[in-house]
């Protein structure tokens, strides 16, 4: 059985990691922000690729081309 001291030390260590602002630590606000930006960017690409698909009258076989075109368009728009 672990001593109270060992449990308290482990809990303090976890609390430091969770509350950390060090961008190299997992679960930080910086990491979360980057993950959300990537997720939003990917969703924009997905939506644009679907629009391109519909413009082609929902013809299959061009999924990769649609995605790459959407990626170029969204990336160009976000850099302007």
N, C-alpha and C. Protein backbone atom coordinates (compact mmCIF):
# COMPACT_ATOMS: atom_id res chain seq x y z
N UNK A 1 0.84 -1.19 0.00
CA UNK A 1 0.00 0.00 0.00
C UNK A 1 0.89 1.25 0.00
N UNK A 2 0.53 2.22 -0.82
CA UNK A 2 1.33 3.43 -0.92
C UNK A 2 1.09 4.31 0.29
N UNK A 3 2.15 4.99 0.67
CA UNK A 3 2.01 5.89 1.81
C UNK A 3 1.29 7.16 1.38
N UNK A 4 0.80 7.88 2.34
CA UNK A 4 0.11 9.14 2.07
C UNK A 4 1.07 10.11 1.39
N UNK A 5 2.32 10.12 1.82
CA UNK A 5 3.32 11.01 1.23
C UNK A 5 3.49 10.72 -0.26
N UNK A 6 3.57 9.44 -0.65
CA UNK A 6 3.74 9.08 -2.06
C UNK A 6 2.53 9.52 -2.88
N UNK A 7 1.34 9.34 -2.35
CA UNK A 7 0.13 9.75 -3.07
C UNK A 7 0.06 11.26 -3.22
N UNK A 8 0.41 12.00 -2.15
CA UNK A 8 0.38 13.46 -2.22
C UNK A 8 1.41 13.97 -3.23
N UNK A 9 2.58 13.38 -3.23
CA UNK A 9 3.63 13.79 -4.17
C UNK A 9 3.17 13.55 -5.60
N UNK A 10 2.57 12.40 -5.86
CA UNK A 10 2.09 12.08 -7.20
C UNK A 10 0.97 13.04 -7.60
N UNK A 11 0.09 13.36 -6.68
CA UNK A 11 -1.01 14.28 -6.98
C UNK A 11 -0.49 15.68 -7.28
N UNK A 12 0.51 16.13 -6.54
CA UNK A 12 1.10 17.46 -6.78
C UNK A 12 1.76 17.49 -8.15
N UNK A 13 2.43 16.42 -8.50
CA UNK A 13 3.09 16.34 -9.81
C UNK A 13 2.05 16.43 -10.93
N UNK A 14 0.95 15.71 -10.79
CA UNK A 14 -0.12 15.76 -11.80
C UNK A 14 -0.72 17.16 -11.89
N UNK A 15 -0.92 17.79 -10.74
CA UNK A 15 -1.51 19.13 -10.73
C UNK A 15 -0.60 20.12 -11.45
N UNK A 16 0.71 19.99 -11.27
CA UNK A 16 1.65 20.88 -11.95
C UNK A 16 1.57 20.68 -13.46
N UNK A 17 1.49 19.44 -13.89
CA UNK A 17 1.41 19.15 -15.33
C UNK A 17 0.11 19.66 -15.92
N UNK A 18 -0.99 19.43 -15.24
CA UNK A 18 -2.30 19.85 -15.75
C UNK A 18 -2.39 21.37 -15.83
N UNK A 19 -1.87 22.07 -14.83
CA UNK A 19 -1.94 23.53 -14.81
C UNK A 19 -0.79 24.21 -15.52
N UNK A 20 0.06 23.46 -16.15
CA UNK A 20 1.25 23.99 -16.80
C UNK A 20 0.90 24.85 -18.00
N UNK A 21 1.72 25.87 -18.22
CA UNK A 21 1.60 26.68 -19.44
C UNK A 21 2.76 26.42 -20.37
N UNK A 22 3.58 25.44 -20.04
CA UNK A 22 4.71 25.05 -20.89
C UNK A 22 4.16 24.41 -22.16
N UNK A 23 4.44 25.02 -23.35
CA UNK A 23 3.88 24.47 -24.58
C UNK A 23 4.39 23.08 -24.94
N UNK A 24 5.43 22.60 -24.29
CA UNK A 24 5.93 21.26 -24.58
C UNK A 24 5.17 20.19 -23.80
N UNK A 25 4.38 20.60 -22.82
CA UNK A 25 3.62 19.65 -22.02
C UNK A 25 2.31 19.30 -22.73
N UNK A 26 1.95 18.03 -22.76
CA UNK A 26 0.68 17.66 -23.40
C UNK A 26 -0.50 18.23 -22.63
N UNK A 27 -1.55 18.56 -23.35
CA UNK A 27 -2.76 19.03 -22.69
C UNK A 27 -2.74 20.50 -22.33
N UNK A 28 -1.79 21.26 -22.83
CA UNK A 28 -1.73 22.67 -22.51
C UNK A 28 -2.71 23.46 -23.35
N UNK A 29 -2.92 24.69 -22.98
CA UNK A 29 -3.82 25.55 -23.73
C UNK A 29 -3.32 25.78 -25.14
N UNK A 30 -2.01 25.88 -25.30
CA UNK A 30 -1.42 26.07 -26.62
C UNK A 30 -1.71 24.87 -27.50
N UNK A 31 -1.51 23.69 -26.97
CA UNK A 31 -1.77 22.47 -27.73
C UNK A 31 -3.25 22.36 -28.09
N UNK A 32 -4.10 22.70 -27.16
CA UNK A 32 -5.54 22.64 -27.41
C UNK A 32 -5.94 23.63 -28.50
N UNK A 33 -5.38 24.82 -28.44
CA UNK A 33 -5.67 25.84 -29.45
C UNK A 33 -5.22 25.39 -30.83
N UNK A 34 -4.02 24.82 -30.92
CA UNK A 34 -3.52 24.32 -32.19
C UNK A 34 -4.39 23.18 -32.72
N UNK A 35 -4.84 22.33 -31.85
CA UNK A 35 -5.70 21.22 -32.25
C UNK A 35 -7.03 21.74 -32.80
N UNK A 36 -7.59 22.74 -32.15
CA UNK A 36 -8.85 23.31 -32.62
C UNK A 36 -8.69 24.01 -33.96
N UNK A 37 -7.58 24.74 -34.13
CA UNK A 37 -7.33 25.40 -35.41
C UNK A 37 -7.19 24.37 -36.53
N UNK A 38 -6.46 23.30 -36.26
CA UNK A 38 -6.30 22.25 -37.26
C UNK A 38 -7.64 21.61 -37.58
N UNK A 39 -8.42 21.37 -36.55
CA UNK A 39 -9.74 20.76 -36.73
C UNK A 39 -10.65 21.66 -37.57
N UNK A 40 -10.63 22.95 -37.28
CA UNK A 40 -11.45 23.91 -38.02
C UNK A 40 -10.99 23.98 -39.47
N UNK A 41 -9.68 24.03 -39.67
CA UNK A 41 -9.11 24.08 -41.02
C UNK A 41 -9.50 22.83 -41.81
N UNK A 42 -9.40 21.69 -41.17
CA UNK A 42 -9.77 20.44 -41.83
C UNK A 42 -11.25 20.41 -42.18
N UNK A 43 -12.08 20.94 -41.29
CA UNK A 43 -13.52 20.98 -41.56
C UNK A 43 -13.82 21.89 -42.74
N UNK A 44 -13.12 23.01 -42.85
CA UNK A 44 -13.30 23.91 -43.99
C UNK A 44 -12.95 23.20 -45.29
N UNK A 45 -11.86 22.44 -45.26
CA UNK A 45 -11.45 21.68 -46.45
C UNK A 45 -12.51 20.64 -46.79
N UNK A 46 -12.98 19.94 -45.78
CA UNK A 46 -14.00 18.91 -45.99
C UNK A 46 -15.26 19.51 -46.62
N UNK A 47 -15.69 20.65 -46.10
CA UNK A 47 -16.89 21.31 -46.63
C UNK A 47 -16.68 21.74 -48.08
N UNK A 48 -15.51 22.32 -48.36
CA UNK A 48 -15.24 22.76 -49.73
C UNK A 48 -15.14 21.57 -50.69
N UNK A 49 -14.52 20.49 -50.26
CA UNK A 49 -14.42 19.29 -51.09
C UNK A 49 -15.82 18.75 -51.41
N UNK A 50 -16.71 18.83 -50.46
CA UNK A 50 -18.08 18.37 -50.69
C UNK A 50 -18.79 19.28 -51.70
N UNK A 51 -18.55 20.59 -51.60
CA UNK A 51 -19.13 21.52 -52.57
C UNK A 51 -18.64 21.21 -53.98
N UNK A 52 -17.35 20.93 -54.10
CA UNK A 52 -16.77 20.58 -55.41
C UNK A 52 -17.41 19.30 -55.93
N UNK A 53 -17.57 18.33 -55.05
CA UNK A 53 -18.23 17.06 -55.40
C UNK A 53 -19.64 17.31 -55.94
N UNK A 54 -20.39 18.17 -55.26
CA UNK A 54 -21.75 18.47 -55.71
C UNK A 54 -21.75 19.21 -57.05
N UNK A 55 -20.76 20.09 -57.24
CA UNK A 55 -20.66 20.81 -58.51
C UNK A 55 -20.41 19.86 -59.68
N UNK A 56 -19.76 18.75 -59.41
CA UNK A 56 -19.52 17.73 -60.44
C UNK A 56 -20.72 16.80 -60.57
N UNK A 57 -21.82 17.16 -59.98
CA UNK A 57 -23.05 16.37 -59.98
C UNK A 57 -22.88 15.03 -59.28
N UNK A 58 -22.13 15.07 -58.18
CA UNK A 58 -21.94 13.92 -57.29
C UNK A 58 -21.36 12.70 -58.00
N UNK A 59 -20.49 12.94 -58.96
CA UNK A 59 -19.82 11.83 -59.63
C UNK A 59 -18.69 11.28 -58.77
N UNK A 60 -18.62 9.98 -58.66
CA UNK A 60 -17.59 9.38 -57.82
C UNK A 60 -16.30 9.15 -58.61
N UNK A 61 -15.24 8.85 -57.89
CA UNK A 61 -13.96 8.55 -58.52
C UNK A 61 -12.97 9.70 -58.50
N UNK A 62 -13.37 10.85 -57.97
CA UNK A 62 -12.48 12.02 -57.95
C UNK A 62 -12.30 12.57 -56.55
N UNK A 63 -12.44 11.72 -55.55
CA UNK A 63 -12.38 12.17 -54.16
C UNK A 63 -11.05 12.84 -53.83
N UNK A 64 -9.96 12.24 -54.25
CA UNK A 64 -8.63 12.78 -53.94
C UNK A 64 -8.44 14.13 -54.63
N UNK A 65 -8.83 14.22 -55.89
CA UNK A 65 -8.71 15.48 -56.62
C UNK A 65 -9.55 16.57 -55.97
N UNK A 66 -10.78 16.21 -55.56
CA UNK A 66 -11.65 17.18 -54.88
C UNK A 66 -11.00 17.68 -53.59
N UNK A 67 -10.45 16.74 -52.83
CA UNK A 67 -9.82 17.10 -51.55
C UNK A 67 -8.62 18.01 -51.79
N UNK A 68 -7.78 17.66 -52.74
CA UNK A 68 -6.58 18.46 -53.00
C UNK A 68 -6.94 19.86 -53.51
N UNK A 69 -7.94 19.94 -54.36
CA UNK A 69 -8.39 21.25 -54.84
C UNK A 69 -8.93 22.08 -53.68
N UNK A 70 -9.74 21.47 -52.86
CA UNK A 70 -10.31 22.16 -51.70
C UNK A 70 -9.20 22.62 -50.76
N UNK A 71 -8.22 21.77 -50.54
CA UNK A 71 -7.10 22.11 -49.67
C UNK A 71 -6.36 23.33 -50.20
N UNK A 72 -6.09 23.35 -51.52
CA UNK A 72 -5.42 24.50 -52.12
C UNK A 72 -6.24 25.77 -51.95
N UNK A 73 -7.53 25.68 -52.24
CA UNK A 73 -8.39 26.86 -52.13
C UNK A 73 -8.49 27.40 -50.71
N UNK A 74 -8.71 26.51 -49.77
CA UNK A 74 -8.85 26.93 -48.37
C UNK A 74 -7.54 27.50 -47.84
N UNK A 75 -6.43 26.85 -48.19
CA UNK A 75 -5.12 27.33 -47.74
C UNK A 75 -4.80 28.69 -48.34
N UNK A 76 -5.13 28.88 -49.60
CA UNK A 76 -4.90 30.17 -50.26
C UNK A 76 -5.76 31.26 -49.60
N UNK A 77 -7.01 30.95 -49.31
CA UNK A 77 -7.91 31.91 -48.68
C UNK A 77 -7.42 32.30 -47.27
N UNK A 78 -6.95 31.32 -46.53
CA UNK A 78 -6.52 31.61 -45.14
C UNK A 78 -5.20 32.36 -45.09
N UNK A 79 -4.39 32.28 -46.15
CA UNK A 79 -3.10 32.99 -46.15
C UNK A 79 -3.25 34.43 -46.64
N UNK A 80 -4.40 34.77 -47.21
CA UNK A 80 -4.62 36.15 -47.70
C UNK A 80 -5.13 37.05 -46.63
